[in-house]
Structure formats: C-alpha cells, structure tokens
Amino acid sequence: MDINIQNKKIELIQWLSTLNDESIIEKIMKLRENEKVDWWEEISKEEKKSIENGLKDAASGNMDSHSNVRKLYDKWL
C-alpha cells in the first residue's frame, strides 16, 4: 500500500482521537455507513447461482457430512 495513504490514515486517526465535536463525528459515521458495500452486489452471477444452489441443497437435506468432505478435499486443506 502507498506510504502516502498510510500517512494520511494515521493523520486522520490522530485527529479523530482528539475530536470532541459530536456533529463532525456523526457526519463521519454517516459517511462510513454510506461507503459500505454489500458483498452480494460485488460477486458474479455464477457465484450467486452457486450459493443459491448450495442453499437449496442444504434446505432439502442434500449434503455430505463434514468428515466425507474432508476426505475428498484433504489434499487441498
């Protein structure tokens, strides 16, 4: 990460730690809330479909046990 960005973040943290103006703190909190991105909106259609299929499988009881899955994927874990 860019050192200049790191320095700016440290400067903001220091400034924020001394801030007593509640209205500014509230504005910062609103800004932070507006910047949050829902991860669901960031993933591809294929990823969404895969998750939805997994949820359907789980709801219908179509699942393998944890131990069976570990046996299948042990070499990658």
C-alpha atoms as a PDB file:
ATOM      1  CA  MET A   1       0.000   0.000   0.000  1.00  0.00           C
ATOM      2  CA  ASP A   2       1.150   3.505  -0.779  1.00  0.00           C
ATOM      3  CA  ILE A   3       3.060   5.053   2.146  1.00  0.00           C
ATOM      4  CA  ASN A   4       1.336   8.379   1.483  1.00  0.00           C
ATOM      5  CA  ILE A   5      -2.063   6.764   2.060  1.00  0.00           C
ATOM      6  CA  GLN A   6      -0.773   5.170   5.268  1.00  0.00           C
ATOM      7  CA  ASN A   7       0.447   8.550   6.488  1.00  0.00           C
ATOM      8  CA  LYS A   8      -2.908  10.148   5.718  1.00  0.00           C
ATOM      9  CA  LYS A   9      -4.738   7.412   7.606  1.00  0.00           C
ATOM     10  CA  ILE A  10      -2.505   7.870  10.638  1.00  0.00           C
ATOM     11  CA  GLU A  11      -3.051  11.628  10.492  1.00  0.00           C
ATOM     12  CA  LEU A  12      -6.832  11.113  10.372  1.00  0.00           C
ATOM     13  CA  ILE A  13      -6.728   8.654  13.274  1.00  0.00           C
ATOM     14  CA  GLN A  14      -4.745  11.109  15.369  1.00  0.00           C
ATOM     15  CA  TRP A  15      -7.142  13.945  14.511  1.00  0.00           C
ATOM     16  CA  LEU A  16     -10.195  11.803  15.176  1.00  0.00           C
ATOM     17  CA  SER A  17      -8.864  10.675  18.556  1.00  0.00           C
ATOM     18  CA  THR A  18      -8.791  14.311  19.750  1.00  0.00           C
ATOM     19  CA  LEU A  19     -12.114  15.328  18.195  1.00  0.00           C
ATOM     20  CA  ASN A  20     -14.865  16.414  20.586  1.00  0.00           C
ATOM     21  CA  ASP A  21     -17.368  17.859  18.126  1.00  0.00           C
ATOM     22  CA  GLU A  22     -20.233  15.356  18.081  1.00  0.00           C
ATOM     23  CA  SER A  23     -21.717  16.749  14.847  1.00  0.00           C
ATOM     24  CA  ILE A  24     -18.498  16.045  12.952  1.00  0.00           C
ATOM     25  CA  ILE A  25     -18.318  12.555  14.434  1.00  0.00           C
ATOM     26  CA  GLU A  26     -21.912  11.926  13.304  1.00  0.00           C
ATOM     27  CA  LYS A  27     -21.069  13.134   9.781  1.00  0.00           C
ATOM     28  CA  ILE A  28     -18.108  10.762   9.674  1.00  0.00           C
ATOM     29  CA  MET A  29     -20.293   7.885  10.886  1.00  0.00           C
ATOM     30  CA  LYS A  30     -22.865   8.633   8.145  1.00  0.00           C
ATOM     31  CA  LEU A  31     -20.114   8.765   5.534  1.00  0.00           C
ATOM     32  CA  ARG A  32     -18.802   5.421   6.745  1.00  0.00           C
ATOM     33  CA  GLU A  33     -22.280   3.888   6.605  1.00  0.00           C
ATOM     34  CA  ASN A  34     -22.822   5.157   3.053  1.00  0.00           C
ATOM     35  CA  GLU A  35     -19.498   3.677   1.931  1.00  0.00           C
ATOM     36  CA  LYS A  36     -20.373   0.125   2.980  1.00  0.00           C
ATOM     37  CA  VAL A  37     -20.798  -2.200   0.033  1.00  0.00           C
ATOM     38  CA  ASP A  38     -22.897  -5.324   0.237  1.00  0.00           C
ATOM     39  CA  TRP A  39     -20.638  -8.222  -0.794  1.00  0.00           C
ATOM     40  CA  TRP A  40     -23.596  -9.846  -2.563  1.00  0.00           C
ATOM     41  CA  GLU A  41     -23.606  -6.983  -5.059  1.00  0.00           C
ATOM     42  CA  GLU A  42     -19.894  -7.449  -5.711  1.00  0.00           C
ATOM     43  CA  ILE A  43     -19.876 -11.133  -6.696  1.00  0.00           C
ATOM     44  CA  SER A  44     -20.553 -12.578 -10.145  1.00  0.00           C
ATOM     45  CA  LYS A  45     -23.819 -14.109 -11.349  1.00  0.00           C
ATOM     46  CA  GLU A  46     -22.134 -17.513 -11.353  1.00  0.00           C
ATOM     47  CA  GLU A  47     -21.087 -17.118  -7.701  1.00  0.00           C
ATOM     48  CA  LYS A  48     -24.605 -16.049  -6.735  1.00  0.00           C
ATOM     49  CA  LYS A  49     -26.104 -19.027  -8.561  1.00  0.00           C
ATOM     50  CA  SER A  50     -23.661 -21.393  -6.835  1.00  0.00           C
ATOM     51  CA  ILE A  51     -24.559 -20.007  -3.400  1.00  0.00           C
ATOM     52  CA  GLU A  52     -28.271 -20.230  -4.176  1.00  0.00           C
ATOM     53  CA  ASN A  53     -27.861 -23.840  -5.323  1.00  0.00           C
ATOM     54  CA  GLY A  54     -25.979 -24.656  -2.130  1.00  0.00           C
ATOM     55  CA  LEU A  55     -28.724 -23.137  -0.013  1.00  0.00           C
ATOM     56  CA  LYS A  56     -31.363 -25.157  -1.892  1.00  0.00           C
ATOM     57  CA  ASP A  57     -29.325 -28.339  -1.377  1.00  0.00           C
ATOM     58  CA  ALA A  58     -28.975 -27.605   2.326  1.00  0.00           C
ATOM     59  CA  ALA A  59     -32.692 -26.885   2.686  1.00  0.00           C
ATOM     60  CA  SER A  60     -33.564 -30.194   1.020  1.00  0.00           C
ATOM     61  CA  GLY A  61     -31.045 -32.135   3.122  1.00  0.00           C
ATOM     62  CA  ASN A  62     -28.839 -32.911   0.128  1.00  0.00           C
ATOM     63  CA  MET A  63     -25.489 -32.605   1.910  1.00  0.00           C
ATOM     64  CA  ASP A  64     -22.367 -34.606   2.714  1.00  0.00           C
ATOM     65  CA  SER A  65     -21.029 -34.904   6.216  1.00  0.00           C
ATOM     66  CA  HIS A  66     -18.063 -32.796   7.223  1.00  0.00           C
ATOM     67  CA  SER A  67     -15.855 -35.886   7.517  1.00  0.00           C
ATOM     68  CA  ASN A  68     -16.723 -37.001   3.948  1.00  0.00           C
ATOM     69  CA  VAL A  69     -15.943 -33.572   2.573  1.00  0.00           C
ATOM     70  CA  ARG A  70     -12.625 -33.506   4.452  1.00  0.00           C
ATOM     71  CA  LYS A  71     -11.692 -36.844   2.873  1.00  0.00           C
ATOM     72  CA  LEU A  72     -12.472 -35.514  -0.604  1.00  0.00           C
ATOM     73  CA  TYR A  73     -10.615 -32.226  -0.210  1.00  0.00           C
ATOM     74  CA  ASP A  74      -7.957 -33.132   2.346  1.00  0.00           C
ATOM     75  CA  LYS A  75      -5.100 -32.745  -0.111  1.00  0.00           C
ATOM     76  CA  TRP A  76      -6.032 -29.075  -0.641  1.00  0.00           C
ATOM     77  CA  LEU A  77      -6.678 -28.234   3.007  1.00  0.00           C
END
